[in-house]
N, C-alpha and C. Protein backbone atom coordinates (compact mmCIF):
# COMPACT_ATOMS: atom_id res chain seq x y z
N UNK A 1 155.95 141.15 137.44
CA UNK A 1 156.29 139.74 137.31
C UNK A 1 157.44 139.56 136.31
N UNK A 2 158.42 138.75 136.69
CA UNK A 2 159.56 138.49 135.82
C UNK A 2 159.13 137.62 134.64
N UNK A 3 159.54 138.02 133.43
CA UNK A 3 159.19 137.27 132.23
C UNK A 3 160.44 136.73 131.55
N UNK A 4 160.39 135.48 131.18
CA UNK A 4 161.49 134.92 130.40
C UNK A 4 161.50 135.52 129.01
N UNK A 5 162.68 135.76 128.49
CA UNK A 5 162.79 136.35 127.15
C UNK A 5 162.96 135.26 126.09
N UNK A 6 162.58 135.61 124.88
CA UNK A 6 162.78 134.74 123.72
C UNK A 6 162.16 133.35 123.87
N UNK A 7 160.93 133.31 124.37
CA UNK A 7 160.22 132.04 124.49
C UNK A 7 159.04 132.01 123.52
N UNK A 8 158.59 130.82 123.20
CA UNK A 8 157.41 130.63 122.36
C UNK A 8 156.18 130.69 123.24
N UNK A 9 155.22 131.50 122.89
CA UNK A 9 153.96 131.55 123.65
C UNK A 9 152.80 131.27 122.70
N UNK A 10 151.96 130.32 123.09
CA UNK A 10 150.80 129.94 122.29
C UNK A 10 149.55 130.07 123.15
N UNK A 11 148.55 130.76 122.64
CA UNK A 11 147.29 130.95 123.35
C UNK A 11 146.15 130.37 122.51
N UNK A 12 145.31 129.57 123.16
CA UNK A 12 144.18 128.95 122.47
C UNK A 12 142.90 129.16 123.27
N UNK A 13 141.87 129.65 122.61
CA UNK A 13 140.55 129.73 123.21
C UNK A 13 139.61 128.83 122.42
N UNK A 14 138.61 128.29 123.10
CA UNK A 14 137.65 127.42 122.41
C UNK A 14 136.46 127.14 123.31
N UNK A 15 135.31 126.82 122.71
CA UNK A 15 134.20 126.31 123.50
C UNK A 15 134.54 124.89 123.94
N UNK A 16 133.79 124.35 124.88
CA UNK A 16 134.05 123.02 125.42
C UNK A 16 133.97 121.94 124.35
N UNK A 17 134.90 120.98 124.43
CA UNK A 17 134.91 119.78 123.58
C UNK A 17 135.15 120.06 122.10
N UNK A 18 135.83 121.17 121.80
CA UNK A 18 136.14 121.49 120.40
C UNK A 18 137.45 120.84 119.96
N UNK A 19 138.19 120.29 120.91
CA UNK A 19 139.45 119.63 120.57
C UNK A 19 140.68 120.45 120.91
N UNK A 20 140.50 121.60 121.56
CA UNK A 20 141.62 122.48 121.89
C UNK A 20 142.62 121.80 122.83
N UNK A 21 142.11 121.11 123.82
CA UNK A 21 142.99 120.45 124.78
C UNK A 21 143.87 119.40 124.13
N UNK A 22 143.28 118.62 123.26
CA UNK A 22 144.03 117.58 122.54
C UNK A 22 145.13 118.21 121.70
N UNK A 23 144.79 119.26 120.97
CA UNK A 23 145.77 119.92 120.12
C UNK A 23 146.86 120.62 120.93
N UNK A 24 146.48 121.20 122.05
CA UNK A 24 147.45 121.88 122.91
C UNK A 24 148.49 120.89 123.44
N UNK A 25 148.03 119.70 123.79
CA UNK A 25 148.95 118.66 124.29
C UNK A 25 149.91 118.22 123.19
N UNK A 26 149.38 118.06 121.97
CA UNK A 26 150.22 117.65 120.84
C UNK A 26 151.27 118.72 120.52
N UNK A 27 150.84 119.97 120.54
CA UNK A 27 151.75 121.07 120.25
C UNK A 27 152.82 121.18 121.34
N UNK A 28 152.39 121.06 122.60
CA UNK A 28 153.33 121.18 123.71
C UNK A 28 154.41 120.11 123.64
N UNK A 29 154.00 118.91 123.27
CA UNK A 29 154.96 117.81 123.18
C UNK A 29 155.91 118.01 122.01
N UNK A 30 155.39 118.42 120.87
CA UNK A 30 156.21 118.56 119.67
C UNK A 30 157.24 119.69 119.81
N UNK A 31 156.81 120.82 120.39
CA UNK A 31 157.70 121.98 120.50
C UNK A 31 158.34 122.13 121.88
N UNK A 32 158.12 121.16 122.75
CA UNK A 32 158.65 121.20 124.12
C UNK A 32 158.19 122.46 124.87
N UNK A 33 156.88 122.64 124.94
CA UNK A 33 156.29 123.79 125.63
C UNK A 33 155.61 123.35 126.91
N UNK A 34 155.63 124.20 127.91
CA UNK A 34 154.90 123.93 129.16
C UNK A 34 153.42 124.10 128.88
N UNK A 35 152.63 123.09 129.20
CA UNK A 35 151.19 123.13 128.88
C UNK A 35 150.34 123.31 130.14
N UNK A 36 149.40 124.23 130.05
CA UNK A 36 148.44 124.43 131.14
C UNK A 36 147.03 124.45 130.58
N UNK A 37 146.23 123.50 131.02
CA UNK A 37 144.80 123.46 130.69
C UNK A 37 144.10 124.32 131.73
N UNK A 38 143.82 125.58 131.38
CA UNK A 38 143.27 126.50 132.37
C UNK A 38 141.87 126.11 132.83
N UNK A 39 141.14 125.43 131.95
CA UNK A 39 139.80 124.98 132.34
C UNK A 39 139.85 124.01 133.50
N UNK A 40 140.94 123.23 133.56
CA UNK A 40 141.08 122.26 134.66
C UNK A 40 141.26 122.97 136.01
N UNK A 41 141.84 124.17 135.99
CA UNK A 41 141.99 124.93 137.23
C UNK A 41 140.61 125.30 137.77
N UNK A 42 139.74 125.76 136.86
CA UNK A 42 138.39 126.12 137.29
C UNK A 42 137.61 124.87 137.70
N UNK A 43 137.87 123.76 137.04
CA UNK A 43 137.23 122.50 137.45
C UNK A 43 137.70 122.10 138.84
N UNK A 44 138.98 122.29 139.10
CA UNK A 44 139.54 121.97 140.41
C UNK A 44 138.88 122.83 141.49
N UNK A 45 138.73 124.12 141.22
CA UNK A 45 138.07 125.01 142.18
C UNK A 45 136.59 124.64 142.30
N UNK A 46 135.97 124.30 141.17
CA UNK A 46 134.58 123.87 141.20
C UNK A 46 134.39 122.63 142.03
N UNK A 47 135.36 121.72 141.93
CA UNK A 47 135.33 120.49 142.73
C UNK A 47 135.45 120.82 144.23
N UNK A 48 136.36 121.75 144.56
CA UNK A 48 136.52 122.16 145.96
C UNK A 48 135.23 122.80 146.49
N UNK A 49 134.57 123.56 145.62
CA UNK A 49 133.31 124.21 146.00
C UNK A 49 132.26 123.17 146.40
N UNK A 50 132.26 122.05 145.68
CA UNK A 50 131.30 120.99 145.95
C UNK A 50 131.66 120.19 147.20
N UNK A 51 132.97 119.91 147.35
CA UNK A 51 133.41 118.96 148.37
C UNK A 51 133.93 119.55 149.67
N UNK A 52 134.45 120.77 149.63
CA UNK A 52 135.12 121.31 150.82
C UNK A 52 134.34 122.43 151.49
N UNK A 53 134.01 122.24 152.76
CA UNK A 53 133.23 123.23 153.51
C UNK A 53 134.06 124.47 153.86
N UNK A 54 135.39 124.37 153.71
CA UNK A 54 136.28 125.50 154.04
C UNK A 54 136.35 126.51 152.90
N UNK A 55 135.58 126.30 151.86
CA UNK A 55 135.65 127.13 150.65
C UNK A 55 135.54 128.63 150.97
N UNK A 56 136.56 129.39 150.60
CA UNK A 56 136.59 130.84 150.74
C UNK A 56 137.65 131.36 149.79
N UNK A 57 137.70 132.68 149.58
CA UNK A 57 138.70 133.24 148.67
C UNK A 57 140.12 133.00 149.17
N UNK A 58 140.34 133.17 150.47
CA UNK A 58 141.67 132.93 151.04
C UNK A 58 142.06 131.47 150.92
N UNK A 59 141.09 130.60 151.14
CA UNK A 59 141.32 129.15 151.01
C UNK A 59 141.72 128.80 149.57
N UNK A 60 141.00 129.37 148.61
CA UNK A 60 141.27 129.10 147.20
C UNK A 60 142.63 129.65 146.80
N UNK A 61 142.96 130.85 147.27
CA UNK A 61 144.26 131.45 146.91
C UNK A 61 145.41 130.57 147.40
N UNK A 62 145.30 130.05 148.60
CA UNK A 62 146.35 129.18 149.13
C UNK A 62 146.45 127.90 148.32
N UNK A 63 145.29 127.36 147.94
CA UNK A 63 145.27 126.14 147.14
C UNK A 63 145.93 126.34 145.78
N UNK A 64 145.62 127.48 145.14
CA UNK A 64 146.16 127.75 143.81
C UNK A 64 147.65 128.12 143.88
N UNK A 65 148.03 128.91 144.89
CA UNK A 65 149.44 129.29 145.05
C UNK A 65 150.34 128.08 145.25
N UNK A 66 149.78 127.04 145.85
CA UNK A 66 150.57 125.83 146.14
C UNK A 66 150.09 124.64 145.31
N UNK A 67 149.51 124.95 144.15
CA UNK A 67 148.91 123.90 143.34
C UNK A 67 149.94 122.94 142.75
N UNK A 68 149.72 121.66 142.99
CA UNK A 68 150.48 120.60 142.33
C UNK A 68 149.70 120.24 141.07
N UNK A 69 150.30 120.44 139.90
CA UNK A 69 149.58 120.25 138.64
C UNK A 69 149.08 118.83 138.45
N UNK A 70 149.63 117.89 139.19
CA UNK A 70 149.15 116.51 139.11
C UNK A 70 147.71 116.39 139.60
N UNK A 71 147.29 117.35 140.47
CA UNK A 71 145.91 117.34 140.96
C UNK A 71 144.93 117.51 139.80
N UNK A 72 145.37 118.19 138.76
CA UNK A 72 144.49 118.49 137.63
C UNK A 72 144.23 117.26 136.76
N UNK A 73 144.95 116.17 137.04
CA UNK A 73 144.76 114.93 136.28
C UNK A 73 143.71 114.02 136.91
N UNK A 74 143.19 114.43 138.07
CA UNK A 74 142.20 113.64 138.79
C UNK A 74 140.93 113.46 137.94
N UNK A 75 140.54 112.22 137.69
CA UNK A 75 139.37 111.95 136.85
C UNK A 75 138.07 112.47 137.45
N UNK A 76 138.08 112.73 138.75
CA UNK A 76 136.88 113.27 139.40
C UNK A 76 136.54 114.66 138.85
N UNK A 77 137.53 115.33 138.29
CA UNK A 77 137.30 116.67 137.75
C UNK A 77 136.54 116.64 136.42
N UNK A 78 136.37 115.43 135.85
CA UNK A 78 135.74 115.32 134.53
C UNK A 78 134.23 115.13 134.58
N UNK A 79 133.67 115.08 135.78
CA UNK A 79 132.22 114.85 135.89
C UNK A 79 131.43 116.06 135.41
N UNK A 80 130.21 115.83 134.99
CA UNK A 80 129.33 116.90 134.53
C UNK A 80 129.00 117.85 135.68
N UNK A 81 128.86 117.31 136.89
CA UNK A 81 128.57 118.12 138.07
C UNK A 81 129.69 119.14 138.32
N UNK A 82 130.93 118.69 138.19
CA UNK A 82 132.08 119.57 138.39
C UNK A 82 132.14 120.60 137.26
N UNK A 83 131.82 120.19 136.04
CA UNK A 83 131.83 121.11 134.90
C UNK A 83 130.85 122.27 135.12
N UNK A 84 129.67 121.95 135.63
CA UNK A 84 128.66 122.98 135.91
C UNK A 84 129.13 123.91 137.02
N UNK A 85 129.72 123.31 138.06
CA UNK A 85 130.25 124.10 139.18
C UNK A 85 131.36 125.02 138.69
N UNK A 86 132.23 124.51 137.83
CA UNK A 86 133.35 125.29 137.30
C UNK A 86 132.84 126.47 136.48
N UNK A 87 131.79 126.24 135.70
CA UNK A 87 131.23 127.31 134.87
C UNK A 87 130.68 128.44 135.73
N UNK A 88 130.10 128.08 136.86
CA UNK A 88 129.57 129.10 137.78
C UNK A 88 130.71 129.85 138.47
N UNK A 89 131.71 129.10 138.89
CA UNK A 89 132.88 129.69 139.56
C UNK A 89 133.58 130.70 138.65
N UNK A 90 133.63 130.38 137.36
CA UNK A 90 134.35 131.21 136.40
C UNK A 90 133.75 132.60 136.22
N UNK A 91 132.54 132.80 136.72
CA UNK A 91 131.89 134.10 136.61
C UNK A 91 132.34 135.06 137.72
N UNK A 92 133.00 134.51 138.73
CA UNK A 92 133.40 135.28 139.91
C UNK A 92 134.73 136.00 139.63
N UNK A 93 134.71 137.32 139.65
CA UNK A 93 135.92 138.09 139.31
C UNK A 93 137.05 137.84 140.29
N UNK A 94 136.75 137.70 141.56
CA UNK A 94 137.82 137.47 142.55
C UNK A 94 138.49 136.13 142.32
N UNK A 95 137.71 135.14 141.94
CA UNK A 95 138.28 133.83 141.60
C UNK A 95 139.14 133.96 140.34
N UNK A 96 138.65 134.68 139.36
CA UNK A 96 139.37 134.86 138.11
C UNK A 96 140.69 135.59 138.33
N UNK A 97 140.69 136.56 139.24
CA UNK A 97 141.93 137.29 139.55
C UNK A 97 142.98 136.37 140.17
N UNK A 98 142.53 135.47 141.04
CA UNK A 98 143.44 134.51 141.68
C UNK A 98 144.04 133.59 140.62
N UNK A 99 143.18 133.08 139.75
CA UNK A 99 143.63 132.17 138.69
C UNK A 99 144.51 132.91 137.69
N UNK A 100 144.17 134.17 137.41
CA UNK A 100 144.93 134.97 136.45
C UNK A 100 146.41 135.07 136.84
N UNK A 101 146.69 135.33 138.10
CA UNK A 101 148.07 135.45 138.56
C UNK A 101 148.85 134.16 138.34
N UNK A 102 148.19 133.03 138.61
CA UNK A 102 148.83 131.73 138.43
C UNK A 102 149.09 131.47 136.94
N UNK A 103 148.12 131.81 136.10
CA UNK A 103 148.25 131.59 134.66
C UNK A 103 149.35 132.46 134.05
N UNK A 104 149.46 133.69 134.52
CA UNK A 104 150.49 134.59 134.02
C UNK A 104 151.89 134.02 134.31
N UNK A 105 152.05 133.48 135.49
CA UNK A 105 153.33 132.87 135.87
C UNK A 105 153.65 131.69 134.94
N UNK A 106 152.66 130.86 134.68
CA UNK A 106 152.86 129.69 133.81
C UNK A 106 153.17 130.12 132.38
N UNK A 107 152.50 131.16 131.91
CA UNK A 107 152.67 131.59 130.52
C UNK A 107 154.01 132.26 130.27
N UNK A 108 154.38 133.17 131.17
CA UNK A 108 155.56 134.00 130.91
C UNK A 108 156.84 133.56 131.63
N UNK A 109 156.70 132.65 132.57
CA UNK A 109 157.89 132.18 133.27
C UNK A 109 157.81 130.67 133.48
N UNK A 110 157.68 129.91 132.37
CA UNK A 110 157.60 128.45 132.49
C UNK A 110 158.94 127.88 132.97
N UNK A 111 158.96 126.67 133.49
CA UNK A 111 160.22 126.04 133.91
C UNK A 111 161.26 126.08 132.80
N UNK A 112 162.52 126.24 133.17
CA UNK A 112 163.62 126.43 132.21
C UNK A 112 163.77 125.30 131.20
N UNK A 113 163.32 124.13 131.55
CA UNK A 113 163.49 122.99 130.63
C UNK A 113 162.59 123.09 129.40
N UNK A 114 161.62 124.02 129.46
CA UNK A 114 160.70 124.20 128.33
C UNK A 114 161.10 125.41 127.48
N UNK A 115 160.79 125.35 126.18
CA UNK A 115 161.11 126.43 125.26
C UNK A 115 160.06 127.54 125.27
N UNK A 116 159.00 127.32 126.03
CA UNK A 116 157.95 128.31 126.10
C UNK A 116 156.72 127.72 126.76
N UNK A 117 155.55 128.26 126.41
CA UNK A 117 154.31 127.82 127.06
C UNK A 117 153.15 127.78 126.08
N UNK A 118 152.17 126.98 126.42
CA UNK A 118 150.92 126.95 125.67
C UNK A 118 149.78 126.82 126.68
N UNK A 119 148.82 127.72 126.58
CA UNK A 119 147.67 127.72 127.48
C UNK A 119 146.40 127.66 126.64
N UNK A 120 145.43 126.88 127.09
CA UNK A 120 144.13 126.89 126.42
C UNK A 120 143.02 127.09 127.44
N UNK A 121 141.97 127.75 127.00
CA UNK A 121 140.87 128.04 127.91
C UNK A 121 139.78 128.83 127.21
N UNK A 122 139.25 129.85 127.91
CA UNK A 122 138.16 130.66 127.37
C UNK A 122 138.56 132.12 127.16
N UNK A 123 139.55 132.60 127.94
CA UNK A 123 139.95 134.01 127.81
C UNK A 123 141.46 134.16 127.70
N UNK A 124 142.09 133.18 127.07
CA UNK A 124 143.55 133.20 126.97
C UNK A 124 144.02 134.23 125.94
N UNK A 125 143.38 134.25 124.77
CA UNK A 125 143.79 135.19 123.72
C UNK A 125 143.28 136.61 124.00
N UNK A 126 142.26 136.73 124.83
CA UNK A 126 141.67 138.05 125.08
C UNK A 126 142.21 138.73 126.33
N UNK A 127 142.64 137.93 127.31
CA UNK A 127 143.07 138.51 128.59
C UNK A 127 144.40 137.95 129.08
N UNK A 128 144.50 136.63 129.18
CA UNK A 128 145.65 136.02 129.86
C UNK A 128 146.97 136.22 129.12
N UNK A 129 146.99 135.92 127.82
CA UNK A 129 148.24 136.03 127.04
C UNK A 129 147.93 136.80 125.75
N UNK A 130 147.55 138.03 125.92
CA UNK A 130 147.11 138.85 124.79
C UNK A 130 148.21 139.09 123.76
N UNK A 131 149.45 139.02 124.21
CA UNK A 131 150.56 139.27 123.29
C UNK A 131 151.25 137.98 122.86
N UNK A 132 150.52 136.87 122.91
CA UNK A 132 151.09 135.57 122.54
C UNK A 132 151.63 135.59 121.11
N UNK A 133 152.67 134.84 120.87
CA UNK A 133 153.27 134.73 119.54
C UNK A 133 152.28 134.09 118.56
N UNK A 134 151.50 133.13 119.08
CA UNK A 134 150.49 132.45 118.28
C UNK A 134 149.16 132.47 119.03
N UNK A 135 148.10 132.87 118.32
CA UNK A 135 146.78 132.95 118.94
C UNK A 135 145.77 132.21 118.05
N UNK A 136 145.17 131.16 118.62
CA UNK A 136 144.22 130.35 117.87
C UNK A 136 142.86 130.32 118.56
N UNK A 137 141.80 130.32 117.74
CA UNK A 137 140.44 130.11 118.25
C UNK A 137 139.94 128.82 117.60
N UNK A 138 139.83 127.77 118.38
CA UNK A 138 139.43 126.46 117.88
C UNK A 138 137.97 126.20 118.20
N UNK A 139 137.22 125.77 117.20
CA UNK A 139 135.80 125.53 117.41
C UNK A 139 135.32 124.32 116.61
N UNK A 140 134.07 123.95 116.80
CA UNK A 140 133.40 122.87 116.05
C UNK A 140 131.92 123.03 116.33
N UNK A 141 131.08 122.42 115.48
CA UNK A 141 129.65 122.61 115.72
C UNK A 141 129.21 121.87 116.99
N UNK A 142 128.13 122.34 117.56
CA UNK A 142 127.66 121.87 118.86
C UNK A 142 127.41 120.36 118.90
N UNK A 143 126.78 119.82 117.87
CA UNK A 143 126.44 118.40 117.84
C UNK A 143 127.70 117.52 117.85
N UNK A 144 128.69 117.93 117.10
CA UNK A 144 129.95 117.18 117.05
C UNK A 144 130.64 117.24 118.41
N UNK A 145 130.63 118.41 119.02
CA UNK A 145 131.27 118.56 120.33
C UNK A 145 130.55 117.73 121.39
N UNK A 146 129.23 117.69 121.30
CA UNK A 146 128.45 116.90 122.26
C UNK A 146 128.75 115.41 122.08
N UNK A 147 128.88 114.98 120.84
CA UNK A 147 129.19 113.58 120.56
C UNK A 147 130.56 113.21 121.12
N UNK A 148 131.53 114.09 120.94
CA UNK A 148 132.87 113.85 121.46
C UNK A 148 132.86 113.74 122.99
N UNK A 149 132.19 114.69 123.63
CA UNK A 149 132.15 114.68 125.08
C UNK A 149 131.37 113.46 125.61
N UNK A 150 130.30 113.09 124.92
CA UNK A 150 129.51 111.92 125.31
C UNK A 150 130.37 110.66 125.25
N UNK A 151 131.18 110.53 124.18
CA UNK A 151 132.06 109.37 124.06
C UNK A 151 133.12 109.35 125.16
N UNK A 152 133.59 110.54 125.55
CA UNK A 152 134.56 110.62 126.65
C UNK A 152 133.93 110.11 127.94
N UNK A 153 132.69 110.51 128.20
CA UNK A 153 131.99 110.07 129.40
C UNK A 153 131.75 108.56 129.38
N UNK A 154 131.43 108.03 128.20
CA UNK A 154 131.20 106.59 128.08
C UNK A 154 132.46 105.81 128.41
N UNK A 155 133.60 106.31 127.96
CA UNK A 155 134.88 105.65 128.25
C UNK A 155 135.19 105.68 129.74
N UNK A 156 134.65 106.67 130.42
CA UNK A 156 134.85 106.79 131.87
C UNK A 156 133.72 106.12 132.65
N UNK A 157 132.83 105.45 131.90
CA UNK A 157 131.68 104.75 132.50
C UNK A 157 130.74 105.69 133.24
N UNK A 158 130.63 106.91 132.74
CA UNK A 158 129.71 107.88 133.34
C UNK A 158 128.30 107.64 132.80
N UNK A 159 127.33 107.62 133.70
CA UNK A 159 125.95 107.40 133.30
C UNK A 159 125.30 108.74 132.94
N UNK A 160 125.32 109.04 131.66
CA UNK A 160 124.74 110.28 131.17
C UNK A 160 124.33 110.08 129.71
N UNK A 161 123.23 110.70 129.30
CA UNK A 161 122.75 110.52 127.93
C UNK A 161 123.33 111.60 127.01
N UNK A 162 123.26 111.33 125.72
CA UNK A 162 123.74 112.30 124.73
C UNK A 162 122.95 113.60 124.85
N UNK A 163 121.63 113.49 125.04
CA UNK A 163 120.79 114.68 125.16
C UNK A 163 121.20 115.53 126.36
N UNK A 164 121.57 114.88 127.46
CA UNK A 164 122.01 115.61 128.65
C UNK A 164 123.33 116.34 128.39
N UNK A 165 124.23 115.67 127.66
CA UNK A 165 125.51 116.29 127.32
C UNK A 165 125.29 117.48 126.39
N UNK A 166 124.41 117.30 125.40
CA UNK A 166 124.10 118.36 124.45
C UNK A 166 123.54 119.58 125.17
N UNK A 167 122.60 119.36 126.08
CA UNK A 167 122.00 120.45 126.84
C UNK A 167 123.04 121.14 127.71
N UNK A 168 123.89 120.35 128.35
CA UNK A 168 124.92 120.91 129.22
C UNK A 168 125.89 121.79 128.44
N UNK A 169 126.33 121.32 127.27
CA UNK A 169 127.25 122.11 126.45
C UNK A 169 126.60 123.39 125.93
N UNK A 170 125.33 123.28 125.56
CA UNK A 170 124.61 124.46 125.08
C UNK A 170 124.55 125.52 126.19
N UNK A 171 124.26 125.07 127.40
CA UNK A 171 124.19 125.99 128.54
C UNK A 171 125.58 126.58 128.87
N UNK A 172 126.60 125.74 128.77
CA UNK A 172 127.97 126.21 129.04
C UNK A 172 128.41 127.22 128.00
N UNK A 173 128.07 126.98 126.75
CA UNK A 173 128.40 127.93 125.69
C UNK A 173 127.79 129.30 125.98
N UNK A 174 126.52 129.29 126.37
CA UNK A 174 125.82 130.53 126.68
C UNK A 174 126.48 131.24 127.86
N UNK A 175 126.81 130.46 128.88
CA UNK A 175 127.45 131.02 130.07
C UNK A 175 128.82 131.59 129.74
N UNK A 176 129.60 130.86 128.94
CA UNK A 176 130.94 131.30 128.58
C UNK A 176 130.91 132.58 127.74
N UNK A 177 129.95 132.66 126.84
CA UNK A 177 129.86 133.82 125.95
C UNK A 177 129.32 135.07 126.65
N UNK A 178 128.42 134.86 127.61
CA UNK A 178 127.71 135.99 128.20
C UNK A 178 128.22 136.43 129.56
N UNK A 179 129.19 135.72 130.13
CA UNK A 179 129.65 136.12 131.45
C UNK A 179 130.32 137.49 131.39
N UNK A 180 130.27 138.21 132.47
CA UNK A 180 130.74 139.59 132.52
C UNK A 180 132.25 139.67 132.40
N UNK A 181 132.96 138.75 133.05
CA UNK A 181 134.42 138.80 133.07
C UNK A 181 135.01 137.67 132.22
N UNK A 182 135.87 138.04 131.29
CA UNK A 182 136.54 137.05 130.45
C UNK A 182 135.63 136.22 129.58
N UNK A 183 134.66 136.82 128.87
CA UNK A 183 133.76 136.03 128.02
C UNK A 183 134.52 135.40 126.85
N UNK A 184 134.01 134.27 126.37
CA UNK A 184 134.62 133.60 125.23
C UNK A 184 134.27 134.34 123.95
N UNK A 185 135.29 134.77 123.21
CA UNK A 185 135.05 135.43 121.93
C UNK A 185 136.32 135.38 121.09
N UNK A 186 136.13 135.38 119.79
CA UNK A 186 137.27 135.37 118.88
C UNK A 186 137.75 136.80 118.67
N UNK A 187 139.06 136.97 118.64
CA UNK A 187 139.64 138.28 118.37
C UNK A 187 140.06 138.37 116.90
N UNK A 188 140.21 139.58 116.40
CA UNK A 188 140.59 139.78 115.00
C UNK A 188 141.97 139.22 114.69
N UNK A 189 142.85 139.22 115.69
CA UNK A 189 144.22 138.78 115.44
C UNK A 189 144.45 137.30 115.75
N UNK A 190 143.37 136.55 116.02
CA UNK A 190 143.50 135.11 116.28
C UNK A 190 143.09 134.33 115.03
N UNK A 191 143.67 133.16 114.87
CA UNK A 191 143.40 132.33 113.70
C UNK A 191 142.30 131.31 114.02
N UNK A 192 141.26 131.30 113.21
CA UNK A 192 140.14 130.39 113.41
C UNK A 192 140.45 129.01 112.84
N UNK A 193 140.27 127.99 113.68
CA UNK A 193 140.43 126.60 113.25
C UNK A 193 139.15 125.85 113.59
N UNK A 194 138.43 125.39 112.56
CA UNK A 194 137.20 124.64 112.77
C UNK A 194 137.51 123.15 112.66
N UNK A 195 137.30 122.41 113.74
CA UNK A 195 137.67 120.99 113.77
C UNK A 195 136.51 120.05 113.46
N UNK A 196 135.37 120.60 113.05
CA UNK A 196 134.18 119.78 112.81
C UNK A 196 134.47 118.60 111.88
N UNK A 197 135.20 118.88 110.80
CA UNK A 197 135.47 117.85 109.81
C UNK A 197 136.95 117.46 109.76
N UNK A 198 137.69 117.83 110.78
CA UNK A 198 139.12 117.53 110.81
C UNK A 198 139.44 116.40 111.79
N UNK A 199 140.31 115.50 111.39
CA UNK A 199 140.81 114.48 112.32
C UNK A 199 141.81 115.16 113.25
N UNK A 200 142.19 114.49 114.33
CA UNK A 200 143.17 115.04 115.26
C UNK A 200 144.49 115.32 114.54
N UNK A 201 144.89 114.38 113.69
CA UNK A 201 146.15 114.53 112.97
C UNK A 201 146.09 115.68 111.98
N UNK A 202 145.01 115.78 111.25
CA UNK A 202 144.86 116.84 110.25
C UNK A 202 144.87 118.22 110.91
N UNK A 203 144.22 118.31 112.06
CA UNK A 203 144.17 119.57 112.79
C UNK A 203 145.57 119.95 113.28
N UNK A 204 146.27 118.97 113.83
CA UNK A 204 147.63 119.23 114.32
C UNK A 204 148.54 119.71 113.20
N UNK A 205 148.46 119.04 112.05
CA UNK A 205 149.32 119.41 110.93
C UNK A 205 149.01 120.83 110.43
N UNK A 206 147.76 121.21 110.52
CA UNK A 206 147.36 122.56 110.12
C UNK A 206 147.95 123.60 111.07
N UNK A 207 147.87 123.32 112.36
CA UNK A 207 148.44 124.21 113.37
C UNK A 207 149.96 124.26 113.25
N UNK A 208 150.56 123.09 113.06
CA UNK A 208 152.01 122.99 112.95
C UNK A 208 152.54 123.80 111.77
N UNK A 209 151.83 123.76 110.65
CA UNK A 209 152.26 124.50 109.46
C UNK A 209 152.28 126.00 109.74
N UNK A 210 151.27 126.47 110.47
CA UNK A 210 151.18 127.90 110.81
C UNK A 210 152.33 128.29 111.75
N UNK A 211 152.58 127.46 112.74
CA UNK A 211 153.64 127.75 113.71
C UNK A 211 155.02 127.70 113.06
N UNK A 212 155.25 126.65 112.27
CA UNK A 212 156.55 126.48 111.62
C UNK A 212 156.87 127.64 110.67
N UNK A 213 155.86 128.09 109.95
CA UNK A 213 156.06 129.19 109.00
C UNK A 213 156.59 130.43 109.69
N UNK A 214 156.04 130.75 110.85
CA UNK A 214 156.47 131.95 111.58
C UNK A 214 157.81 131.74 112.26
N UNK A 215 158.02 130.56 112.83
CA UNK A 215 159.27 130.28 113.52
C UNK A 215 160.46 130.24 112.57
N UNK A 216 160.21 129.87 111.31
CA UNK A 216 161.29 129.72 110.35
C UNK A 216 161.52 130.93 109.46
N UNK A 217 160.82 132.03 109.77
CA UNK A 217 161.01 133.24 108.95
C UNK A 217 161.88 134.27 109.70
């Protein structure tokens, strides 16, 4: 695969609702980086698994090869049902291989108008972009993450209780950590950022300081 030279690459891994997506968007905008929320790809496939009877590996490969990133903005992908389906899909190595090829293209050959790329997910620092210029592991305690996700669902008028969200996240954490392929784990060379007590702005400024220090040396 052809790789662009002299680009900024940022890799972020995190458990669900830790704030990684929010920070990735802020970083992408500030540094003009191409942003890919890899979890949304699995949600998209999870959604297809639920809704489309044509579901097969060849069907999924064609969908991903011709993916319009605007599809990933569909609010239907934010449901708890889709999240559970996505978590199951993510355990399938053949699905992961299909997604891996797409992610590699986004990471190493982003559109020319961008100065680089930023990807967030579960196995970005461990598998997808192992040689990223910046590698972050963003986390927060389970209760805080459940509260954040519950508030997101409330804003979307989703009928779900806090206890249901808490249970779902706990199960997803277990699934993400214990799956055979691409499990969620922090690497020695990644920087830990705990957002439990950090505001969005404070977290961004912390990440920005780390990035600026390396870029300016």
